[in-house]
N, C-alpha and C. Protein backbone atom coordinates (compact mmCIF):
# COMPACT_ATOMS: atom_id res chain seq x y z
N MET A 1 -13.30 59.28 -37.09
CA MET A 1 -12.40 58.90 -36.56
C MET A 1 -12.37 59.37 -34.71
N ARG A 2 -12.22 60.30 -34.56
CA ARG A 2 -12.34 61.44 -33.86
C ARG A 2 -13.97 61.13 -32.88
N PHE A 3 -14.73 60.99 -33.61
CA PHE A 3 -16.10 61.17 -32.85
C PHE A 3 -15.97 59.71 -32.37
N ILE A 4 -15.23 58.56 -33.12
CA ILE A 4 -15.65 57.69 -32.12
C ILE A 4 -14.80 57.29 -30.58
N ILE A 5 -13.55 57.82 -30.77
CA ILE A 5 -13.15 57.65 -30.03
C ILE A 5 -13.79 59.31 -28.43
N TYR A 6 -14.65 60.34 -28.85
CA TYR A 6 -15.23 60.43 -28.26
C TYR A 6 -16.12 59.90 -27.64
N PHE A 7 -17.07 58.92 -28.37
CA PHE A 7 -18.31 58.61 -28.35
C PHE A 7 -18.01 57.19 -26.96
N LEU A 8 -16.48 56.59 -27.30
CA LEU A 8 -15.62 55.83 -26.66
C LEU A 8 -15.77 56.02 -25.07
N VAL A 9 -15.02 57.30 -25.17
CA VAL A 9 -14.39 58.26 -23.73
C VAL A 9 -16.29 58.12 -22.72
N LEU A 10 -16.78 58.90 -23.64
CA LEU A 10 -18.40 59.18 -23.25
C LEU A 10 -18.93 57.77 -22.95
N PHE A 11 -19.00 56.26 -23.24
CA PHE A 11 -19.67 55.12 -22.84
C PHE A 11 -18.86 54.83 -21.93
N GLY A 12 -17.51 55.19 -21.69
CA GLY A 12 -16.66 54.41 -20.72
C GLY A 12 -16.86 55.17 -19.80
N ALA A 13 -17.00 56.48 -19.40
CA ALA A 13 -17.63 57.03 -18.50
C ALA A 13 -18.74 56.68 -17.84
N TYR A 14 -19.81 56.62 -18.51
CA TYR A 14 -20.96 55.89 -18.15
C TYR A 14 -20.90 54.79 -17.79
N SER A 15 -20.27 53.66 -18.52
CA SER A 15 -20.33 52.43 -17.48
C SER A 15 -18.98 52.40 -16.35
N VAL A 16 -18.21 53.36 -16.57
CA VAL A 16 -17.69 53.00 -15.30
C VAL A 16 -18.54 53.48 -14.16
N GLY A 17 -19.31 54.93 -14.02
CA GLY A 17 -20.29 55.31 -13.04
C GLY A 17 -21.37 54.24 -12.77
N ARG A 18 -21.98 53.03 -13.84
CA ARG A 18 -22.70 52.07 -13.62
C ARG A 18 -22.26 50.67 -13.19
N ILE A 19 -21.10 50.37 -13.36
CA ILE A 19 -20.66 49.71 -12.83
C ILE A 19 -20.30 50.30 -11.12
N GLY A 20 -19.60 51.00 -11.06
CA GLY A 20 -19.67 51.50 -9.28
C GLY A 20 -20.95 51.50 -9.04
N HIS A 21 -22.25 52.29 -9.94
CA HIS A 21 -23.39 52.23 -9.08
C HIS A 21 -23.55 50.78 -8.50
N ILE A 22 -23.54 49.76 -9.33
CA ILE A 22 -24.09 48.05 -9.28
C ILE A 22 -22.87 47.63 -7.99
N LEU A 23 -21.84 47.66 -8.43
CA LEU A 23 -21.01 47.01 -6.94
C LEU A 23 -20.85 48.08 -5.59
N GLY A 24 -20.53 49.47 -5.79
CA GLY A 24 -20.73 49.82 -4.67
C GLY A 24 -21.43 50.50 -3.93
N GLY A 25 -22.77 50.30 -4.59
CA GLY A 25 -24.22 51.30 -4.15
C GLY A 25 -24.30 50.97 -3.26
N HIS A 26 -23.69 50.28 -2.36
CA HIS A 26 -24.60 49.90 -0.97
C HIS A 26 -23.12 50.74 0.48
N LEU A 27 -22.05 51.14 -0.30
CA LEU A 27 -21.14 51.93 0.25
C LEU A 27 -21.78 53.28 0.72
N LYS A 28 -21.50 53.86 1.94
CA LYS A 28 -22.13 55.03 2.21
C LYS A 28 -20.77 56.20 1.73
N ALA A 29 -21.04 56.94 0.80
CA ALA A 29 -19.65 57.42 0.53
C ALA A 29 -20.48 58.64 -0.83
N PRO A 30 -19.50 58.84 -1.28
CA PRO A 30 -20.07 60.27 -2.14
C PRO A 30 -20.79 59.60 -3.26
N HIS A 31 -21.49 60.47 -4.07
CA HIS A 31 -22.42 60.31 -5.28
C HIS A 31 -21.49 60.42 -6.45
N HIS A 32 -21.32 59.55 -7.32
CA HIS A 32 -20.36 59.16 -8.24
C HIS A 32 -21.01 60.82 -9.14
N TRP A 33 -21.97 61.52 -9.50
CA TRP A 33 -22.29 62.81 -10.33
C TRP A 33 -21.43 63.60 -9.92
N ILE A 34 -21.01 63.76 -8.61
CA ILE A 34 -19.87 64.42 -7.96
C ILE A 34 -18.42 64.49 -8.66
N TYR A 35 -18.25 63.95 -8.85
CA TYR A 35 -16.86 63.19 -9.63
C TYR A 35 -16.99 63.96 -10.91
N GLY A 36 -18.80 63.16 -11.44
CA GLY A 36 -18.70 64.02 -12.95
C GLY A 36 -18.58 65.48 -13.06
N MET A 37 -19.01 66.27 -12.14
CA MET A 37 -18.99 67.70 -12.00
C MET A 37 -17.51 67.87 -11.65
N LEU A 38 -16.69 67.48 -11.10
CA LEU A 38 -15.23 68.54 -11.26
C LEU A 38 -14.50 67.69 -12.31
N ALA A 39 -14.55 66.37 -12.86
CA ALA A 39 -14.33 66.43 -14.26
C ALA A 39 -14.44 67.43 -15.09
N LEU A 40 -15.96 67.97 -15.25
CA LEU A 40 -16.24 68.74 -16.06
C LEU A 40 -16.06 69.68 -16.08
N VAL A 41 -15.81 70.49 -14.89
CA VAL A 41 -15.19 71.66 -14.42
C VAL A 41 -14.05 71.71 -14.87
N VAL A 42 -12.75 70.58 -14.40
CA VAL A 42 -11.50 70.75 -14.67
C VAL A 42 -11.31 70.89 -16.35
N GLY A 43 -12.13 70.06 -17.02
CA GLY A 43 -12.36 69.99 -18.37
C GLY A 43 -12.35 71.12 -18.83
N ILE A 44 -13.32 71.61 -18.17
CA ILE A 44 -13.85 73.42 -19.42
C ILE A 44 -12.67 74.08 -18.81
N VAL A 45 -12.14 74.38 -18.15
CA VAL A 45 -10.77 75.10 -17.22
C VAL A 45 -9.84 74.45 -18.38
N LEU A 46 -9.46 73.42 -18.20
CA LEU A 46 -8.03 72.96 -19.42
C LEU A 46 -8.50 72.37 -20.92
N HIS A 47 -9.83 72.91 -21.58
CA HIS A 47 -10.13 72.71 -22.87
C HIS A 47 -9.04 73.08 -23.77
N SER A 48 -8.12 73.76 -23.60
CA SER A 48 -7.40 73.55 -24.54
C SER A 48 -6.23 72.90 -24.40
N LYS A 49 -5.95 72.31 -23.67
CA LYS A 49 -4.94 71.48 -23.15
C LYS A 49 -5.96 69.76 -24.26
N TRP A 50 -4.63 68.68 -24.65
CA TRP A 50 -5.38 67.83 -25.15
C TRP A 50 -6.02 67.04 -24.34
N PHE A 51 -5.97 67.02 -23.18
CA PHE A 51 -7.03 65.65 -22.63
C PHE A 51 -8.15 66.66 -21.87
N GLY A 52 -8.65 68.15 -22.11
CA GLY A 52 -9.03 68.90 -21.94
C GLY A 52 -11.01 68.03 -22.24
N ILE A 53 -10.82 68.09 -23.79
CA ILE A 53 -12.26 67.40 -24.02
C ILE A 53 -12.56 66.06 -23.19
N TYR A 54 -11.40 65.28 -23.36
CA TYR A 54 -11.60 64.11 -22.55
C TYR A 54 -11.89 63.92 -21.54
N LEU A 55 -11.67 64.77 -20.47
CA LEU A 55 -12.63 65.30 -19.48
C LEU A 55 -13.75 65.50 -19.02
N ILE A 56 -13.81 66.67 -19.89
CA ILE A 56 -15.50 66.98 -20.23
C ILE A 56 -16.13 65.99 -20.49
N LEU A 57 -15.82 65.10 -21.66
CA LEU A 57 -17.25 63.83 -21.70
C LEU A 57 -16.91 62.80 -20.52
N PHE A 58 -15.89 62.60 -20.05
CA PHE A 58 -16.05 62.06 -18.69
C PHE A 58 -16.90 62.06 -17.73
N GLY A 59 -16.77 63.54 -17.55
CA GLY A 59 -17.76 64.37 -16.67
C GLY A 59 -19.42 64.01 -17.05
N ILE A 60 -19.22 64.50 -18.69
CA ILE A 60 -20.68 63.94 -18.96
C ILE A 60 -21.65 62.85 -18.93
N GLY A 61 -20.73 61.65 -18.93
CA GLY A 61 -20.58 60.16 -18.80
C GLY A 61 -21.11 59.95 -17.48
N HIS A 62 -20.34 60.21 -16.69
CA HIS A 62 -20.51 60.11 -15.52
C HIS A 62 -21.26 60.82 -14.61
N ILE A 63 -21.72 62.01 -14.70
CA ILE A 63 -23.12 62.71 -14.80
C ILE A 63 -24.32 62.34 -15.31
N ILE A 64 -24.43 61.27 -16.22
CA ILE A 64 -25.12 60.70 -17.08
C ILE A 64 -25.69 59.76 -16.34
N SER A 65 -25.01 58.82 -15.66
CA SER A 65 -24.77 57.52 -14.89
C SER A 65 -25.50 57.64 -13.83
N ASP A 66 -25.78 58.96 -13.29
CA ASP A 66 -26.03 59.10 -11.87
C ASP A 66 -27.24 60.30 -12.33
N LEU A 67 -27.45 60.84 -12.89
CA LEU A 67 -28.64 62.04 -13.25
C LEU A 67 -29.23 62.13 -12.25
N LYS A 68 -30.06 60.89 -11.84
CA LYS A 68 -31.62 61.06 -10.94
C LYS A 68 -30.99 61.80 -9.90
N ASP A 69 -29.59 60.78 -9.25
CA ASP A 69 -29.79 61.46 -8.14
C ASP A 69 -28.85 62.93 -8.21
N MET A 70 -28.31 63.38 -8.84
CA MET A 70 -28.13 64.84 -9.25
C MET A 70 -29.43 65.81 -9.15
N ILE A 71 -30.26 64.92 -9.90
CA ILE A 71 -31.16 65.71 -9.98
C ILE A 71 -31.99 66.60 -8.60
N GLU A 72 -32.20 64.74 -7.94
CA GLU A 72 -32.23 65.33 -6.40
C GLU A 72 -31.22 65.34 -5.26
N LEU A 73 -30.71 66.24 -5.97
CA LEU A 73 -29.10 66.76 -5.19
C LEU A 73 -28.74 66.09 -4.04
N LYS A 74 -28.95 64.30 -4.68
CA LYS A 74 -28.26 63.31 -3.16
C LYS A 74 -26.80 63.67 -3.31
N PHE A 75 -26.13 64.09 -2.05
CA PHE A 75 -24.59 64.14 -2.22
C PHE A 75 -23.65 62.69 -1.90
N TYR A 76 -24.50 62.29 -0.55
CA TYR A 76 -23.80 61.37 0.31
C TYR A 76 -24.37 60.25 0.62
N GLY A 77 -24.37 59.06 0.59
CA GLY A 77 -25.12 58.25 1.55
C GLY A 77 -25.03 56.71 0.43
N VAL A 78 -25.89 56.00 0.88
CA VAL A 78 -25.83 54.58 0.05
C VAL A 78 -27.23 54.94 -0.92
N ASP A 79 -26.91 54.12 -1.97
CA ASP A 79 -28.38 53.89 -3.05
C ASP A 79 -29.09 53.23 -2.86
N ASP A 80 -30.73 53.51 -2.24
CA ASP A 80 -32.02 53.10 -1.77
C ASP A 80 -32.30 52.68 -2.95
N VAL A 81 -31.71 51.74 -3.89
CA VAL A 81 -32.22 50.75 -5.58
C VAL A 81 -32.60 49.60 -4.97
N GLU A 82 -33.80 48.91 -4.88
CA GLU A 82 -33.77 47.36 -4.61
C GLU A 82 -32.86 46.73 -6.39
N VAL A 83 -33.48 46.84 -7.39
CA VAL A 83 -33.10 46.25 -8.27
C VAL A 83 -32.32 47.02 -9.34
N LYS A 84 -30.83 46.45 -9.03
CA LYS A 84 -29.58 47.39 -9.86
C LYS A 84 -29.61 46.96 -11.14
N LYS A 85 -29.58 47.76 -12.07
CA LYS A 85 -29.59 47.21 -13.58
C LYS A 85 -28.05 48.11 -14.35
N PHE A 86 -27.62 47.99 -15.12
CA PHE A 86 -26.34 48.38 -16.47
C PHE A 86 -27.64 50.10 -16.97
N TRP A 87 -28.12 49.53 -17.73
CA TRP A 87 -28.98 50.31 -18.61
C TRP A 87 -30.19 50.78 -17.79
N GLY A 88 -29.44 51.96 -17.19
CA GLY A 88 -30.58 53.22 -17.03
C GLY A 88 -29.81 54.09 -16.64
N ILE A 89 -30.40 55.27 -15.58
CA ILE A 89 -30.18 56.26 -15.16
C ILE A 89 -30.63 56.31 -13.76
N ASP A 90 -29.77 56.43 -12.70
CA ASP A 90 -30.03 56.40 -11.46
C ASP A 90 -29.17 57.47 -10.69
């Protein structure tokens, strides 16, 4: 049961990241992998609390949804993607 909840948190974070990319990718703003890193770091610091693992999973899901921008070290700006799709890593 715990695995299902962890998977749902991870997939939920990925979904939030992808929907944010689709709906807000035209805005000049920080890329959402940065928020994933912040959640990951806070989750690691608070791993002994009940919500620490959820923050770690949320951070990982957010990072995966914007992995390409993270690898290219894009911190701020507009996403320059022509075709925006839900299933993918951008």
